[in-house]
Amino acid sequence: MSMAKVLSVNIGTKRELREADLGITGIDKRPVDGPVAVAAPGPRGVGASGVAGDVICDLRHHGGDDQAVYAYAREDLDVWAVELLGRELPPGVFGENLTTTGVDVTGALIGERWRVGSSLVLEVTSPRIPCRTFAGWLGERGWVKTFTQRALPGAYFRVLEPGPVEAGDAVTVLSRPGHGVTIGTAFRAFTTEPALLPDLATVEALPEYDKRKIRRALERRATAAE
């Protein structure tokens, strides 16, 4: 983990996008220089991004305390660059706030805690689920299906201890829960492998809206089996 670090901190600005539900989006994130403050933004529907200066337009579906920060690994962007026939994928192109290197984002456990830099502490909450805004922004045909099948979703985080972050900051994994449910497992459970949902049912660190989704799915399954 000694090589784990933030390659860039990426901030989004509002721009028009036809495929976005509101016709505008903050998915276009670009690297910025210097330290950026990170703090819990408030509950979903009210709070936006936890990264100062970052724009989130659709507060119904994005942002809030459980999606305060989104991280994506440079290594996974490089995988996509090959699969998309050499397309250039600069930091922030997937809408991530933190582009990382040296840390397995897909393999991070729900509830895993990271110290980033000297004082910022983040907790892994959930995988990113692709939407039509993401597909419209990338402009790749069949992108939602392609992204789902590859299952490299990146991770959302809540902020446990606020602090600044900047490019070059070290990422240290402070703790890992014992349940074994990774971002990759959660993503597959929510998308292509619903049989995995029972594995998520007791994971405390999941956002409440995900817990409700899991309970409803398991209740439907139990009713169908009667």
Protein backbone atom coordinates (compact mmCIF):
# COMPACT_ATOMS: atom_id res chain seq x y z
CA MET A 1 0.00 0.00 0.00
CA SER A 2 3.02 2.31 0.16
CA MET A 3 2.44 3.36 -3.45
CA ALA A 4 -1.26 4.09 -3.00
CA LYS A 5 -2.03 7.74 -3.69
CA VAL A 6 -4.29 10.30 -5.29
CA LEU A 7 -3.21 11.08 -8.84
CA SER A 8 -5.64 13.96 -9.26
CA VAL A 9 -8.52 15.77 -7.58
CA ASN A 10 -11.27 16.50 -10.12
CA ILE A 11 -13.96 19.17 -9.93
CA GLY A 12 -17.08 19.38 -12.10
CA THR A 13 -18.81 22.40 -13.56
CA LYS A 14 -22.37 22.64 -14.83
CA ARG A 15 -22.84 21.92 -18.50
CA GLU A 16 -25.73 21.06 -20.77
CA LEU A 17 -26.21 17.41 -21.75
CA ARG A 18 -29.26 16.20 -23.63
CA GLU A 19 -29.20 12.73 -22.03
CA ALA A 20 -29.20 14.07 -18.47
CA ASP A 21 -32.57 13.93 -16.70
CA LEU A 22 -32.45 17.67 -16.00
CA GLY A 23 -30.68 18.57 -19.22
CA ILE A 24 -27.65 19.68 -17.22
CA THR A 25 -24.93 17.74 -15.42
CA GLY A 26 -21.75 18.11 -13.38
CA ILE A 27 -20.19 14.90 -14.72
CA ASP A 28 -17.53 16.84 -16.65
CA LYS A 29 -14.83 16.88 -13.96
CA ARG A 30 -11.31 18.21 -14.52
CA PRO A 31 -8.14 18.06 -12.39
CA VAL A 32 -7.39 21.07 -10.19
CA ASP A 33 -4.18 22.22 -8.54
CA GLY A 34 -3.63 22.63 -4.83
CA PRO A 35 -5.58 21.37 -1.81
CA VAL A 36 -9.37 21.09 -1.95
CA ALA A 37 -11.56 20.93 1.16
CA VAL A 38 -13.68 17.80 1.64
CA ALA A 39 -16.54 17.54 4.15
CA ALA A 40 -19.91 15.81 4.58
CA PRO A 41 -22.38 17.72 2.36
CA GLY A 42 -25.65 16.79 4.08
CA PRO A 43 -28.36 14.18 3.43
CA ARG A 44 -29.34 12.99 -0.01
CA GLY A 45 -31.69 15.34 -1.77
CA VAL A 46 -30.22 18.31 0.08
CA GLY A 47 -26.46 17.85 0.14
CA ALA A 48 -24.51 17.84 -3.10
CA SER A 49 -20.81 16.96 -3.40
CA GLY A 50 -18.49 16.68 -0.44
CA VAL A 51 -15.69 18.18 -2.52
CA ALA A 52 -15.60 21.97 -2.36
CA GLY A 53 -16.39 23.62 -5.69
CA ASP A 54 -17.70 20.43 -7.30
CA VAL A 55 -21.10 20.71 -9.00
CA ILE A 56 -23.88 18.13 -8.75
CA CYS A 57 -27.06 19.06 -10.60
CA ASP A 58 -29.41 16.13 -9.96
CA LEU A 59 -29.65 15.95 -6.17
CA ARG A 60 -32.43 13.37 -6.35
CA HIS A 61 -30.10 10.70 -7.71
CA HIS A 62 -26.60 11.91 -6.86
CA GLY A 63 -24.64 13.42 -4.00
CA GLY A 64 -25.41 13.59 -0.31
CA ASP A 65 -23.49 12.18 2.62
CA ASP A 66 -23.32 8.61 1.27
CA GLN A 67 -22.05 9.77 -2.14
CA ALA A 68 -19.88 12.62 -0.91
CA VAL A 69 -16.83 11.52 -2.88
CA TYR A 70 -16.46 9.24 -5.91
CA ALA A 71 -13.12 7.53 -6.63
CA TYR A 72 -11.95 5.63 -9.67
CA ALA A 73 -8.64 3.85 -10.19
CA ARG A 74 -6.23 4.93 -12.91
CA GLU A 75 -5.52 1.25 -13.45
CA ASP A 76 -9.18 0.66 -14.32
CA LEU A 77 -9.26 3.67 -16.63
CA ASP A 78 -6.28 2.10 -18.42
CA VAL A 79 -8.22 -1.16 -18.82
CA TRP A 80 -11.04 0.81 -20.41
CA ALA A 81 -8.64 2.70 -22.68
CA VAL A 82 -7.58 -0.64 -24.18
CA GLU A 83 -11.14 -1.96 -24.45
CA LEU A 84 -12.26 1.27 -26.12
CA LEU A 85 -9.55 0.86 -28.76
CA GLY A 86 -7.05 3.31 -27.39
CA ARG A 87 -9.45 6.09 -26.51
CA GLU A 88 -7.80 8.69 -24.31
CA LEU A 89 -9.36 8.69 -20.83
CA PRO A 90 -7.97 11.58 -18.79
CA PRO A 91 -8.48 11.84 -15.01
CA GLY A 92 -12.04 12.82 -14.15
CA VAL A 93 -13.57 11.57 -17.40
CA PHE A 94 -15.76 9.05 -15.54
CA GLY A 95 -16.98 11.84 -13.28
CA GLU A 96 -14.72 10.79 -10.42
CA ASN A 97 -13.55 13.26 -7.79
CA LEU A 98 -10.43 11.26 -6.98
CA THR A 99 -8.38 9.41 -9.56
CA THR A 100 -6.24 6.97 -7.60
CA THR A 101 -3.34 4.62 -8.19
CA GLY A 102 -1.98 1.70 -6.21
CA VAL A 103 -5.23 0.89 -4.39
CA ASP A 104 -7.81 -1.70 -5.47
CA VAL A 105 -11.01 0.35 -5.60
CA THR A 106 -13.19 -2.48 -6.92
CA GLY A 107 -11.78 -4.78 -4.23
CA ALA A 108 -12.44 -2.29 -1.41
CA LEU A 109 -14.86 -3.60 1.22
CA ILE A 110 -18.10 -1.80 2.02
CA GLY A 111 -17.24 0.01 5.25
CA GLU A 112 -13.49 0.05 4.58
CA ARG A 113 -11.90 3.25 5.85
CA TRP A 114 -9.20 5.27 4.10
CA ARG A 115 -7.04 8.07 5.34
CA VAL A 116 -6.25 10.37 2.44
CA GLY A 117 -3.46 12.85 3.06
CA SER A 118 -2.91 14.00 6.63
CA SER A 119 -6.45 14.31 8.02
CA LEU A 120 -9.24 13.30 5.62
CA VAL A 121 -10.93 9.98 6.54
CA LEU A 122 -13.36 8.37 4.11
CA GLU A 123 -15.56 5.27 4.38
CA VAL A 124 -16.51 3.11 1.38
CA THR A 125 -20.29 3.05 0.96
CA SER A 126 -21.41 1.70 -2.42
CA PRO A 127 -20.57 1.13 -6.09
CA ARG A 128 -21.46 3.50 -8.89
CA ILE A 129 -24.39 2.25 -10.97
CA PRO A 130 -24.24 3.51 -14.58
CA CYS A 131 -27.01 5.76 -15.88
CA ARG A 132 -27.96 7.39 -19.16
CA THR A 133 -26.16 10.61 -18.19
CA PHE A 134 -22.91 8.63 -17.94
CA ALA A 135 -23.63 6.95 -21.27
CA GLY A 136 -24.46 10.24 -22.94
CA TRP A 137 -21.32 11.86 -21.61
CA LEU A 138 -19.02 9.05 -22.80
CA GLY A 139 -20.79 8.76 -26.15
CA GLU A 140 -20.06 5.04 -26.38
CA ARG A 141 -22.81 2.94 -27.92
CA GLY A 142 -24.27 0.44 -25.44
CA TRP A 143 -22.18 1.94 -22.66
CA VAL A 144 -24.47 1.05 -19.73
CA LYS A 145 -24.44 -2.62 -20.73
CA THR A 146 -20.71 -2.60 -21.43
CA PHE A 147 -19.86 -0.91 -18.13
CA THR A 148 -22.15 -3.27 -16.23
CA GLN A 149 -20.69 -6.41 -17.77
CA ARG A 150 -17.09 -5.32 -17.04
CA ALA A 151 -17.96 -4.61 -13.37
CA LEU A 152 -15.30 -1.99 -12.61
CA PRO A 153 -17.66 0.54 -11.03
CA GLY A 154 -15.51 2.72 -8.79
CA ALA A 155 -16.57 3.53 -5.24
CA TYR A 156 -18.55 6.15 -3.39
CA PHE A 157 -17.47 7.33 0.05
CA ARG A 158 -18.91 9.15 3.04
CA VAL A 159 -16.73 11.60 4.96
CA LEU A 160 -15.95 10.56 8.53
CA GLU A 161 -13.34 13.23 9.24
CA PRO A 162 -13.15 16.30 6.97
CA GLY A 163 -9.90 17.60 5.60
CA PRO A 164 -8.08 18.76 2.49
CA VAL A 165 -7.04 16.57 -0.41
CA GLU A 166 -4.67 17.20 -3.28
CA ALA A 167 -2.81 15.32 -5.98
CA GLY A 168 0.02 13.24 -4.52
CA ASP A 169 -1.69 12.58 -1.19
CA ALA A 170 -1.07 9.11 0.19
CA VAL A 171 -3.99 6.70 0.58
CA THR A 172 -3.79 4.48 3.66
CA VAL A 173 -6.34 1.78 4.43
CA LEU A 174 -7.07 2.22 8.14
CA SER A 175 -9.50 -0.66 8.66
CA ARG A 176 -11.41 -3.35 6.81
CA PRO A 177 -14.60 -5.02 8.09
CA GLY A 178 -14.81 -8.80 8.26
CA HIS A 179 -17.86 -9.42 6.06
CA GLY A 180 -15.93 -9.76 2.78
CA VAL A 181 -18.44 -7.81 0.66
CA THR A 182 -16.48 -5.74 -1.82
CA ILE A 183 -17.52 -2.93 -4.13
CA GLY A 184 -17.36 -5.45 -6.96
CA THR A 185 -19.63 -7.90 -5.14
CA ALA A 186 -22.16 -5.20 -4.30
CA PHE A 187 -22.17 -3.97 -7.90
CA ARG A 188 -22.86 -7.44 -9.27
CA ALA A 189 -25.58 -7.99 -6.65
CA PHE A 190 -27.35 -4.78 -7.72
CA THR A 191 -26.99 -5.50 -11.45
CA THR A 192 -26.26 -8.89 -12.98
CA GLU A 193 -26.21 -11.30 -10.01
CA PRO A 194 -29.17 -10.64 -7.67
CA ALA A 195 -28.53 -14.01 -6.02
CA LEU A 196 -25.74 -12.17 -4.15
CA LEU A 197 -28.17 -9.77 -2.44
CA PRO A 198 -28.48 -11.86 0.75
CA ASP A 199 -24.73 -11.38 1.26
CA LEU A 200 -25.37 -7.63 1.51
CA ALA A 201 -28.34 -7.78 3.87
CA THR A 202 -26.31 -7.37 7.08
CA VAL A 203 -23.67 -4.93 5.81
CA GLU A 204 -24.15 -1.93 8.11
CA ALA A 205 -22.12 0.60 6.14
CA LEU A 206 -24.37 0.48 3.08
CA PRO A 207 -26.52 3.59 2.53
CA GLU A 208 -30.06 3.35 3.85
CA TYR A 209 -31.54 3.61 0.36
CA ASP A 210 -29.53 0.55 -0.70
CA LYS A 211 -30.66 -1.34 2.39
CA ARG A 212 -34.28 -0.59 1.50
CA LYS A 213 -33.68 -1.80 -2.07
CA ILE A 214 -32.22 -5.05 -0.75
CA ARG A 215 -35.08 -5.62 1.70
CA ARG A 216 -37.69 -5.08 -1.02
CA ALA A 217 -35.91 -7.46 -3.38
CA LEU A 218 -35.60 -10.17 -0.75
CA GLU A 219 -39.25 -9.75 0.28
CA ARG A 220 -40.35 -10.14 -3.35
CA ARG A 221 -38.22 -13.24 -3.66
CA ALA A 222 -39.69 -14.75 -0.49
CA THR A 223 -43.24 -14.01 -1.65
CA ALA A 224 -42.59 -15.60 -5.03
CA ALA A 225 -41.27 -18.73 -3.33
CA GLU A 226 -44.41 -19.22 -1.22
